[in-house]
Amino acid sequence: MMQSVRKITGGILLATSLLLSGLAVAADIDKPVGKVTIAERQFGLVLGGSTGSGTLTFKGKKYSFKLKGLSAGLNVGISRMSAVGEVFALKKVSDFPGTYTVLAAGVAVGGGVGGLRLQNENGVIMNLRSRTKGLNLNLGNVTGLTVTMN
């Protein structure tokens, strides 16, 4: 009986260690290759939109860009959003512009703090942490965010 418990416990410990080491290897593959800062103005009445600008830091150089977004659903108000984050899967700067769609959205917590993970058609991912100031009720979803280089 005691040997059975040891075998089961040993198997569980082995499976757990293999799972954790596999996650560590996967995390190494998906390391950030750049950083991004964004300042955005959001507005809305029925359909919402946003305009803004940002800076991409990639391979020691800074690149400025503009962004425009659109959301559908009930949008009322005006607010300002600032965000910082990491960029993943970017091999060359020309892959950064494009239309980004939401992969995952974090729930906004007190003080207008939230998170967002976006991906464009080139496979580039932005993982953003944001802070919003102002009044903006948005009961819709972001349908797209278009990034163009300056």
N, C-alpha and C. Protein backbone atom coordinates (compact mmCIF):
# COMPACT_ATOMS: atom_id res chain seq x y z
N MET A 1 0.83 -1.20 0.00
CA MET A 1 0.00 0.00 0.00
C MET A 1 0.87 1.26 0.00
N MET A 2 1.88 1.28 0.87
CA MET A 2 2.75 2.44 0.96
C MET A 2 3.54 2.64 -0.33
N GLN A 3 3.94 1.51 -0.98
CA GLN A 3 4.67 1.61 -2.25
C GLN A 3 3.77 2.20 -3.33
N SER A 4 2.52 1.88 -3.34
CA SER A 4 1.58 2.42 -4.33
C SER A 4 1.46 3.93 -4.18
N VAL A 5 1.37 4.39 -2.94
CA VAL A 5 1.27 5.83 -2.67
C VAL A 5 2.54 6.53 -3.14
N ARG A 6 3.70 5.94 -2.89
CA ARG A 6 4.97 6.53 -3.32
C ARG A 6 5.05 6.60 -4.84
N LYS A 7 4.62 5.54 -5.53
CA LYS A 7 4.66 5.53 -7.00
C LYS A 7 3.74 6.61 -7.56
N ILE A 8 2.53 6.72 -7.00
CA ILE A 8 1.58 7.74 -7.48
C ILE A 8 2.12 9.13 -7.21
N THR A 9 2.63 9.35 -5.98
CA THR A 9 3.18 10.67 -5.63
C THR A 9 4.38 10.99 -6.51
N GLY A 10 5.25 10.00 -6.74
CA GLY A 10 6.41 10.22 -7.61
C GLY A 10 5.99 10.56 -9.03
N GLY A 11 4.97 9.88 -9.53
CA GLY A 11 4.46 10.17 -10.87
C GLY A 11 3.89 11.57 -10.99
N ILE A 12 3.15 11.98 -9.96
CA ILE A 12 2.58 13.33 -9.96
C ILE A 12 3.70 14.38 -9.91
N LEU A 13 4.70 14.16 -9.07
CA LEU A 13 5.83 15.10 -8.99
C LEU A 13 6.59 15.18 -10.30
N LEU A 14 6.79 14.04 -10.95
CA LEU A 14 7.48 14.02 -12.24
C LEU A 14 6.68 14.77 -13.29
N ALA A 15 5.38 14.52 -13.36
CA ALA A 15 4.52 15.20 -14.34
C ALA A 15 4.51 16.71 -14.10
N THR A 16 4.44 17.11 -12.83
CA THR A 16 4.45 18.53 -12.49
C THR A 16 5.76 19.19 -12.89
N SER A 17 6.88 18.55 -12.62
CA SER A 17 8.17 19.14 -12.98
C SER A 17 8.34 19.23 -14.49
N LEU A 18 7.86 18.22 -15.23
CA LEU A 18 7.93 18.27 -16.70
C LEU A 18 7.06 19.40 -17.24
N LEU A 19 5.87 19.57 -16.66
CA LEU A 19 4.98 20.65 -17.10
C LEU A 19 5.61 22.00 -16.85
N LEU A 20 6.16 22.21 -15.66
CA LEU A 20 6.78 23.50 -15.33
C LEU A 20 8.00 23.78 -16.18
N SER A 21 8.81 22.78 -16.45
CA SER A 21 9.98 23.00 -17.30
C SER A 21 9.55 23.28 -18.73
N GLY A 22 8.47 22.66 -19.19
CA GLY A 22 7.94 22.95 -20.52
C GLY A 22 7.44 24.37 -20.64
N LEU A 23 6.79 24.87 -19.57
CA LEU A 23 6.33 26.25 -19.57
C LEU A 23 7.51 27.21 -19.58
N ALA A 24 8.58 26.89 -18.88
CA ALA A 24 9.76 27.75 -18.86
C ALA A 24 10.39 27.83 -20.24
N VAL A 25 10.47 26.70 -20.96
CA VAL A 25 11.02 26.71 -22.32
C VAL A 25 10.14 27.55 -23.24
N ALA A 26 8.80 27.39 -23.12
CA ALA A 26 7.87 28.18 -23.95
C ALA A 26 8.02 29.66 -23.66
N ALA A 27 8.24 30.03 -22.39
CA ALA A 27 8.41 31.43 -22.02
C ALA A 27 9.68 32.00 -22.64
N ASP A 28 10.75 31.19 -22.74
CA ASP A 28 11.99 31.66 -23.35
C ASP A 28 11.80 31.97 -24.83
N ILE A 29 10.97 31.20 -25.52
CA ILE A 29 10.73 31.41 -26.95
C ILE A 29 10.00 32.73 -27.17
N ASP A 30 9.12 33.09 -26.26
CA ASP A 30 8.27 34.27 -26.42
C ASP A 30 8.76 35.44 -25.58
N LYS A 31 10.04 35.77 -25.72
CA LYS A 31 10.61 36.91 -24.98
C LYS A 31 10.30 38.20 -25.75
N PRO A 32 10.08 39.30 -25.02
CA PRO A 32 9.83 40.57 -25.72
C PRO A 32 11.06 41.01 -26.50
N VAL A 33 10.81 41.57 -27.69
CA VAL A 33 11.90 42.06 -28.54
C VAL A 33 11.90 43.57 -28.64
N GLY A 34 10.88 44.20 -28.07
CA GLY A 34 10.79 45.65 -28.12
C GLY A 34 9.84 46.16 -27.07
N LYS A 35 9.77 47.50 -26.99
CA LYS A 35 8.87 48.16 -26.05
C LYS A 35 8.05 49.20 -26.78
N VAL A 36 6.88 49.50 -26.23
CA VAL A 36 6.02 50.48 -26.85
C VAL A 36 5.39 51.37 -25.77
N THR A 37 5.25 52.67 -26.09
CA THR A 37 4.50 53.60 -25.26
C THR A 37 3.44 54.25 -26.14
N ILE A 38 2.26 54.44 -25.60
CA ILE A 38 1.14 54.96 -26.39
C ILE A 38 0.40 56.02 -25.59
N ALA A 39 -0.02 57.09 -26.27
CA ALA A 39 -0.93 58.09 -25.72
C ALA A 39 -2.11 58.15 -26.69
N GLU A 40 -3.32 57.99 -26.16
CA GLU A 40 -4.49 57.87 -27.02
C GLU A 40 -5.65 58.68 -26.45
N ARG A 41 -6.45 59.26 -27.33
CA ARG A 41 -7.68 59.96 -26.95
C ARG A 41 -8.84 59.12 -27.44
N GLN A 42 -9.74 58.76 -26.53
CA GLN A 42 -10.89 57.94 -26.89
C GLN A 42 -12.15 58.80 -26.81
N PHE A 43 -13.07 58.56 -27.74
CA PHE A 43 -14.31 59.32 -27.77
C PHE A 43 -15.42 58.41 -28.25
N GLY A 44 -16.65 58.78 -27.94
CA GLY A 44 -17.71 57.92 -28.42
C GLY A 44 -19.10 58.44 -28.19
N LEU A 45 -19.98 58.08 -29.06
CA LEU A 45 -21.42 58.23 -28.96
C LEU A 45 -21.98 57.21 -29.93
N VAL A 46 -22.49 56.13 -29.47
CA VAL A 46 -22.94 54.95 -30.21
C VAL A 46 -21.72 54.19 -30.74
N LEU A 47 -21.06 54.68 -31.78
CA LEU A 47 -19.80 54.07 -32.22
C LEU A 47 -18.67 54.83 -31.56
N GLY A 48 -17.66 54.14 -31.13
CA GLY A 48 -16.53 54.79 -30.47
C GLY A 48 -15.31 54.78 -31.36
N GLY A 49 -14.40 55.66 -31.04
CA GLY A 49 -13.17 55.71 -31.81
C GLY A 49 -12.03 56.19 -30.94
N SER A 50 -10.86 56.15 -31.50
CA SER A 50 -9.69 56.63 -30.77
C SER A 50 -8.64 57.07 -31.77
N THR A 51 -7.87 58.04 -31.36
CA THR A 51 -6.71 58.48 -32.13
C THR A 51 -5.56 58.65 -31.16
N GLY A 52 -4.37 58.48 -31.65
CA GLY A 52 -3.24 58.64 -30.77
C GLY A 52 -1.92 58.47 -31.47
N SER A 53 -0.88 58.42 -30.66
CA SER A 53 0.47 58.25 -31.19
C SER A 53 1.27 57.43 -30.19
N GLY A 54 2.40 56.97 -30.65
CA GLY A 54 3.23 56.16 -29.77
C GLY A 54 4.65 56.07 -30.27
N THR A 55 5.46 55.38 -29.48
CA THR A 55 6.85 55.15 -29.82
C THR A 55 7.17 53.68 -29.63
N LEU A 56 7.76 53.10 -30.66
CA LEU A 56 8.26 51.73 -30.62
C LEU A 56 9.77 51.80 -30.41
N THR A 57 10.28 51.08 -29.44
CA THR A 57 11.72 50.94 -29.25
C THR A 57 12.08 49.52 -29.67
N PHE A 58 12.92 49.42 -30.71
CA PHE A 58 13.27 48.12 -31.28
C PHE A 58 14.73 48.13 -31.70
N LYS A 59 15.51 47.19 -31.20
CA LYS A 59 16.94 47.08 -31.49
C LYS A 59 17.68 48.38 -31.23
N GLY A 60 17.35 49.03 -30.11
CA GLY A 60 18.04 50.25 -29.70
C GLY A 60 17.63 51.51 -30.41
N LYS A 61 16.68 51.45 -31.33
CA LYS A 61 16.22 52.64 -32.05
C LYS A 61 14.76 52.91 -31.70
N LYS A 62 14.38 54.19 -31.81
CA LYS A 62 13.00 54.59 -31.53
C LYS A 62 12.31 54.97 -32.84
N TYR A 63 11.07 54.49 -32.97
CA TYR A 63 10.25 54.75 -34.16
C TYR A 63 8.90 55.28 -33.70
N SER A 64 8.48 56.41 -34.25
CA SER A 64 7.19 56.96 -33.87
C SER A 64 6.10 56.42 -34.81
N PHE A 65 4.90 56.32 -34.27
CA PHE A 65 3.77 55.82 -35.05
C PHE A 65 2.49 56.50 -34.62
N LYS A 66 1.47 56.39 -35.47
CA LYS A 66 0.12 56.90 -35.20
C LYS A 66 -0.82 55.71 -35.13
N LEU A 67 -1.90 55.90 -34.38
CA LEU A 67 -2.89 54.83 -34.32
C LEU A 67 -4.30 55.40 -34.36
N LYS A 68 -5.19 54.59 -34.91
CA LYS A 68 -6.62 54.89 -34.97
C LYS A 68 -7.36 53.62 -34.62
N GLY A 69 -8.42 53.76 -33.86
CA GLY A 69 -9.19 52.57 -33.46
C GLY A 69 -10.67 52.79 -33.62
N LEU A 70 -11.41 51.69 -33.61
CA LEU A 70 -12.85 51.72 -33.72
C LEU A 70 -13.43 50.65 -32.82
N SER A 71 -14.50 51.00 -32.10
CA SER A 71 -15.20 50.01 -31.30
C SER A 71 -16.68 50.11 -31.59
N ALA A 72 -17.36 48.99 -31.50
CA ALA A 72 -18.79 48.94 -31.76
C ALA A 72 -19.51 48.68 -30.45
N GLY A 73 -20.74 49.16 -30.34
CA GLY A 73 -21.51 48.98 -29.12
C GLY A 73 -21.83 50.33 -28.53
N LEU A 74 -22.25 50.36 -27.29
CA LEU A 74 -22.59 51.61 -26.62
C LEU A 74 -21.33 52.28 -26.11
N ASN A 75 -21.01 53.45 -26.65
CA ASN A 75 -19.85 54.23 -26.22
C ASN A 75 -20.32 55.64 -25.93
N VAL A 76 -20.03 56.15 -24.75
CA VAL A 76 -20.38 57.51 -24.40
C VAL A 76 -19.22 58.11 -23.61
N GLY A 77 -18.76 59.30 -24.03
CA GLY A 77 -17.76 60.00 -23.25
C GLY A 77 -16.49 60.30 -24.00
N ILE A 78 -15.57 60.92 -23.27
CA ILE A 78 -14.24 61.27 -23.79
C ILE A 78 -13.24 60.93 -22.70
N SER A 79 -12.15 60.31 -23.08
CA SER A 79 -11.12 59.99 -22.10
C SER A 79 -9.75 59.97 -22.77
N ARG A 80 -8.73 59.95 -21.95
CA ARG A 80 -7.35 59.83 -22.42
C ARG A 80 -6.77 58.56 -21.83
N MET A 81 -6.06 57.83 -22.66
CA MET A 81 -5.46 56.57 -22.23
C MET A 81 -3.98 56.62 -22.52
N SER A 82 -3.17 56.17 -21.57
CA SER A 82 -1.74 56.00 -21.81
C SER A 82 -1.43 54.54 -21.54
N ALA A 83 -0.52 53.99 -22.32
CA ALA A 83 -0.18 52.58 -22.17
C ALA A 83 1.30 52.37 -22.40
N VAL A 84 1.83 51.37 -21.75
CA VAL A 84 3.20 50.91 -21.97
C VAL A 84 3.13 49.40 -22.09
N GLY A 85 4.10 48.84 -22.79
CA GLY A 85 4.09 47.39 -22.90
C GLY A 85 5.24 46.84 -23.70
N GLU A 86 5.17 45.54 -23.89
CA GLU A 86 6.20 44.81 -24.62
C GLU A 86 5.68 44.41 -25.99
N VAL A 87 6.64 44.24 -26.91
CA VAL A 87 6.33 43.79 -28.27
C VAL A 87 6.99 42.42 -28.46
N PHE A 88 6.23 41.49 -29.03
CA PHE A 88 6.70 40.12 -29.26
C PHE A 88 6.61 39.79 -30.74
N ALA A 89 7.42 38.85 -31.18
CA ALA A 89 7.38 38.29 -32.54
C ALA A 89 7.61 39.32 -33.64
N LEU A 90 8.35 40.38 -33.34
CA LEU A 90 8.69 41.39 -34.34
C LEU A 90 10.10 41.10 -34.83
N LYS A 91 10.22 40.85 -36.14
CA LYS A 91 11.53 40.54 -36.72
C LYS A 91 12.12 41.75 -37.43
N LYS A 92 11.25 42.58 -38.04
CA LYS A 92 11.70 43.80 -38.71
C LYS A 92 10.65 44.87 -38.52
N VAL A 93 11.06 46.12 -38.51
CA VAL A 93 10.17 47.25 -38.22
C VAL A 93 9.00 47.30 -39.19
N SER A 94 9.20 46.89 -40.42
CA SER A 94 8.12 46.94 -41.41
C SER A 94 6.96 46.00 -41.08
N ASP A 95 7.16 45.06 -40.14
CA ASP A 95 6.07 44.18 -39.71
C ASP A 95 5.21 44.81 -38.62
N PHE A 96 5.66 45.92 -38.03
CA PHE A 96 4.93 46.54 -36.92
C PHE A 96 3.62 47.21 -37.33
N PRO A 97 3.59 48.00 -38.42
CA PRO A 97 2.32 48.63 -38.81
C PRO A 97 1.30 47.57 -39.22
N GLY A 98 0.04 47.93 -39.11
CA GLY A 98 -1.02 47.02 -39.53
C GLY A 98 -2.25 47.19 -38.67
N THR A 99 -3.19 46.29 -38.83
CA THR A 99 -4.42 46.32 -38.05
C THR A 99 -4.31 45.29 -36.93
N TYR A 100 -4.39 45.77 -35.71
CA TYR A 100 -4.29 44.92 -34.53
C TYR A 100 -5.69 44.59 -34.03
N THR A 101 -5.90 43.34 -33.68
CA THR A 101 -7.15 42.91 -33.07
C THR A 101 -6.85 42.35 -31.68
N VAL A 102 -7.86 42.31 -30.85
CA VAL A 102 -7.68 41.90 -29.46
C VAL A 102 -7.53 40.39 -29.35
N LEU A 103 -6.44 39.97 -28.72
CA LEU A 103 -6.26 38.55 -28.37
C LEU A 103 -6.84 38.29 -27.00
N ALA A 104 -6.59 39.20 -26.06
CA ALA A 104 -7.11 39.07 -24.71
C ALA A 104 -7.19 40.45 -24.08
N ALA A 105 -8.26 40.68 -23.33
CA ALA A 105 -8.45 41.95 -22.65
C ALA A 105 -8.56 41.70 -21.16
N GLY A 106 -7.81 42.46 -20.39
CA GLY A 106 -7.92 42.37 -18.94
C GLY A 106 -9.02 43.28 -18.46
N VAL A 107 -9.63 42.93 -17.38
CA VAL A 107 -10.68 43.76 -16.80
C VAL A 107 -10.04 44.98 -16.16
N ALA A 108 -10.62 46.13 -16.41
CA ALA A 108 -10.11 47.35 -15.80
C ALA A 108 -10.37 47.31 -14.31
N VAL A 109 -9.36 47.68 -13.54
CA VAL A 109 -9.50 47.71 -12.10
C VAL A 109 -9.55 49.17 -11.65
N GLY A 110 -9.68 49.42 -10.36
CA GLY A 110 -9.79 50.77 -9.85
C GLY A 110 -8.75 51.72 -10.39
N GLY A 111 -9.13 52.98 -10.59
CA GLY A 111 -8.21 53.97 -11.10
C GLY A 111 -8.02 53.91 -12.59
N GLY A 112 -8.87 53.16 -13.30
CA GLY A 112 -8.79 53.09 -14.75
C GLY A 112 -7.60 52.31 -15.26
N VAL A 113 -7.09 51.35 -14.49
CA VAL A 113 -5.94 50.56 -14.90
C VAL A 113 -6.44 49.26 -15.54
N GLY A 114 -5.84 48.88 -16.66
CA GLY A 114 -6.25 47.65 -17.33
C GLY A 114 -5.13 47.07 -18.16
N GLY A 115 -5.46 46.06 -18.93
CA GLY A 115 -4.47 45.41 -19.77
C GLY A 115 -5.10 44.91 -21.06
N LEU A 116 -4.27 44.76 -22.08
CA LEU A 116 -4.75 44.37 -23.39
C LEU A 116 -3.64 43.67 -24.15
N ARG A 117 -3.97 42.61 -24.86
CA ARG A 117 -3.01 41.90 -25.70
C ARG A 117 -3.56 41.93 -27.12
N LEU A 118 -2.79 42.53 -28.04
CA LEU A 118 -3.21 42.74 -29.42
C LEU A 118 -2.26 42.04 -30.38
N GLN A 119 -2.78 41.62 -31.54
CA GLN A 119 -1.94 41.00 -32.57
C GLN A 119 -2.34 41.54 -33.94
N ASN A 120 -1.33 41.79 -34.80
CA ASN A 120 -1.63 42.24 -36.16
C ASN A 120 -1.51 41.09 -37.15
N GLU A 121 -1.78 41.40 -38.42
CA GLU A 121 -1.77 40.37 -39.45
C GLU A 121 -0.39 39.79 -39.73
N ASN A 122 0.67 40.45 -39.25
CA ASN A 122 2.04 39.95 -39.41
C ASN A 122 2.48 39.09 -38.23
N GLY A 123 1.59 38.86 -37.28
CA GLY A 123 1.91 38.05 -36.12
C GLY A 123 2.57 38.81 -34.98
N VAL A 124 2.73 40.13 -35.12
CA VAL A 124 3.34 40.95 -34.07
C VAL A 124 2.32 41.11 -32.93
N ILE A 125 2.79 40.94 -31.71
CA ILE A 125 1.92 41.02 -30.53
C ILE A 125 2.38 42.17 -29.64
N MET A 126 1.40 42.96 -29.18
CA MET A 126 1.66 44.00 -28.17
C MET A 126 0.92 43.59 -26.90
N ASN A 127 1.63 43.55 -25.81
CA ASN A 127 1.05 43.26 -24.51
C ASN A 127 1.08 44.56 -23.71
N LEU A 128 -0.08 45.22 -23.56
CA LEU A 128 -0.13 46.58 -23.01
C LEU A 128 -0.73 46.63 -21.61
N ARG A 129 -0.20 47.53 -20.81
CA ARG A 129 -0.78 47.91 -19.52
C ARG A 129 -1.20 49.37 -19.65
N SER A 130 -2.47 49.65 -19.37
CA SER A 130 -3.00 50.99 -19.66
C SER A 130 -3.57 51.66 -18.42
N ARG A 131 -3.64 52.98 -18.53
CA ARG A 131 -4.28 53.81 -17.50
C ARG A 131 -5.16 54.82 -18.24
N THR A 132 -6.42 54.92 -17.81
CA THR A 132 -7.38 55.81 -18.46
C THR A 132 -7.81 56.90 -17.50
N LYS A 133 -7.92 58.15 -18.03
CA LYS A 133 -8.42 59.28 -17.26
C LYS A 133 -9.58 59.88 -18.04
N GLY A 134 -10.61 60.28 -17.33
CA GLY A 134 -11.77 60.88 -17.96
C GLY A 134 -12.98 59.99 -17.81
N LEU A 135 -14.03 60.34 -18.52
CA LEU A 135 -15.28 59.60 -18.45
C LEU A 135 -15.50 58.90 -19.77
N ASN A 136 -15.61 57.59 -19.71
CA ASN A 136 -15.85 56.83 -20.94
C ASN A 136 -16.56 55.53 -20.57
N LEU A 137 -17.82 55.42 -20.97
CA LEU A 137 -18.59 54.20 -20.77
C LEU A 137 -18.56 53.45 -22.09
N ASN A 138 -17.96 52.28 -22.09
CA ASN A 138 -17.83 51.49 -23.31
C ASN A 138 -18.40 50.11 -23.04
N LEU A 139 -19.53 49.80 -23.65
CA LEU A 139 -20.14 48.49 -23.51
C LEU A 139 -19.99 47.71 -24.81
N GLY A 140 -19.01 48.07 -25.59
CA GLY A 140 -18.75 47.38 -26.85
C GLY A 140 -17.40 46.71 -26.82
N ASN A 141 -16.94 46.28 -27.98
CA ASN A 141 -15.66 45.62 -28.11
C ASN A 141 -14.79 46.39 -29.10
N VAL A 142 -13.49 46.40 -28.87
CA VAL A 142 -12.57 46.98 -29.85
C VAL A 142 -12.61 46.08 -31.06
N THR A 143 -12.88 46.66 -32.22
CA THR A 143 -12.92 45.85 -33.43
C THR A 143 -11.61 45.93 -34.19
N GLY A 144 -10.81 46.93 -33.92
CA GLY A 144 -9.53 47.03 -34.60
C GLY A 144 -8.78 48.28 -34.19
N LEU A 145 -7.48 48.21 -34.32
CA LEU A 145 -6.60 49.32 -34.03
C LEU A 145 -5.57 49.35 -35.15
N THR A 146 -5.56 50.43 -35.93
CA THR A 146 -4.67 50.52 -37.07
C THR A 146 -3.45 51.35 -36.71
N VAL A 147 -2.28 50.78 -36.93
CA VAL A 147 -1.01 51.45 -36.64
C VAL A 147 -0.33 51.79 -37.95
N THR A 148 0.09 53.07 -38.11
CA THR A 148 0.88 53.50 -39.27
C THR A 148 2.14 54.17 -38.77
N MET A 149 3.23 53.97 -39.45
CA MET A 149 4.50 54.60 -39.04
C MET A 149 4.53 56.03 -39.54
N ASN A 150 5.18 56.91 -38.76
CA ASN A 150 5.34 58.32 -39.16
C ASN A 150 6.42 58.45 -40.22
